[in-house]
Protein backbone atom coordinates (compact mmCIF):
# COMPACT_ATOMS: atom_id res chain seq x y z
CA MET A 1 -228.45 122.40 -12.65
CA ILE A 2 -225.99 119.90 -14.30
CA ARG A 3 -226.70 116.20 -13.63
CA THR A 4 -223.27 114.78 -12.62
CA GLN A 5 -222.78 111.16 -11.62
CA ILE A 6 -220.52 109.62 -8.12
CA HIS A 7 -219.48 106.90 -6.82
CA LEU A 8 -219.85 106.00 -3.25
CA THR A 9 -219.00 104.11 -0.53
CA GLU A 10 -222.26 101.35 0.38
CA GLU A 11 -220.84 103.04 3.97
CA GLN A 12 -221.13 106.84 2.72
CA ALA A 13 -224.04 106.13 0.73
CA ARG A 14 -226.00 105.59 3.74
CA LYS A 15 -224.74 107.67 5.73
CA LEU A 16 -226.31 110.38 3.42
CA LYS A 17 -229.40 108.72 3.21
CA ARG A 18 -229.70 108.93 7.27
CA ILE A 19 -228.92 112.83 7.20
CA ALA A 20 -231.39 113.01 4.94
CA ALA A 21 -233.69 112.14 6.18
CA LYS A 22 -232.72 112.78 9.27
CA ARG A 23 -233.42 116.67 7.82
CA GLY A 24 -235.67 116.70 5.10
CA ILE A 25 -233.99 117.30 2.76
CA SER A 26 -233.30 115.12 -0.66
CA VAL A 27 -229.39 112.99 -0.75
CA SER A 28 -228.69 115.12 -4.20
CA ALA A 29 -229.60 118.37 -1.59
CA VAL A 30 -226.92 117.37 1.34
CA ILE A 31 -224.29 116.52 -1.67
CA ARG A 32 -224.89 119.67 -2.41
CA GLU A 33 -224.82 121.46 0.38
CA ALA A 34 -221.36 119.84 1.09
CA VAL A 35 -219.64 120.79 -2.48
CA GLU A 36 -220.82 124.12 -1.22
CA LYS A 37 -218.73 124.28 1.89
CA ALA A 38 -215.92 122.69 0.67
CA ILE A 39 -215.37 125.16 -2.12
CA ALA A 40 -215.85 127.77 0.63
CA VAL A 41 -212.74 127.02 2.37
CA ASP A 42 -210.71 126.44 -0.78
CA ASP A 43 -210.08 130.20 -1.02
CA GLY A 44 -206.46 130.42 -0.41
CA PRO A 45 -204.32 133.12 -1.19
CA ALA A 46 -207.35 135.25 0.17
CA ARG A 47 -207.92 133.50 2.98
CA ARG A 48 -204.53 133.59 4.08
CA MET A 49 -204.26 137.72 3.41
CA ARG A 50 -207.26 137.85 6.00
CA ALA A 51 -205.38 136.13 9.04
CA LEU A 52 -201.82 137.58 8.20
CA ALA A 53 -204.24 140.62 8.18
CA THR A 54 -205.21 139.43 11.46
CA VAL A 55 -200.90 139.88 12.86
CA GLY A 56 -200.33 142.01 15.94
CA THR A 57 -203.63 143.32 16.29
CA PHE A 58 -204.31 141.61 19.80
CA ARG A 59 -201.91 142.57 22.49
CA SER A 60 -200.97 141.03 25.56
CA GLY A 61 -200.33 143.26 28.18
CA LYS A 62 -196.41 141.12 27.99
CA GLU A 63 -193.89 141.46 26.27
CA SER A 64 -192.33 138.16 26.67
CA VAL A 65 -194.64 136.00 25.00
CA SER A 66 -192.72 135.22 21.67
CA SER A 67 -189.74 134.34 22.87
CA GLU A 68 -191.33 133.27 26.98
CA HIS A 69 -194.04 132.10 25.37
CA ASP A 70 -193.60 128.71 27.17
CA ARG A 71 -193.55 129.94 30.25
CA TYR A 72 -197.04 132.05 30.35
CA LEU A 73 -198.28 128.38 28.57
CA PRO A 74 -199.72 126.84 31.84
CA ASP A 75 -201.92 129.54 33.02
CA ASP A 76 -203.65 129.91 30.07
CA PHE A 77 -204.93 127.00 29.65
CA ALA A 78 -205.09 127.18 34.00
CA SER A 79 -208.18 129.78 32.93
């Protein structure tokens, strides 16, 4: 592992300590988990391609949803 120094606000440090104590792990482990989540979310083009690949794969059975979406919206929220 590589040692890194960061600066936190007092509130951030307090919250991190609380989370670590509640979960029974070190503050460093909480920070490493947060970094891993940030890295996983930042997959840029690959994430965009996965999202685009789903376009058109679901069917509502209604032909005019794209042009008359406002007409269908209240029904969707009522369900």
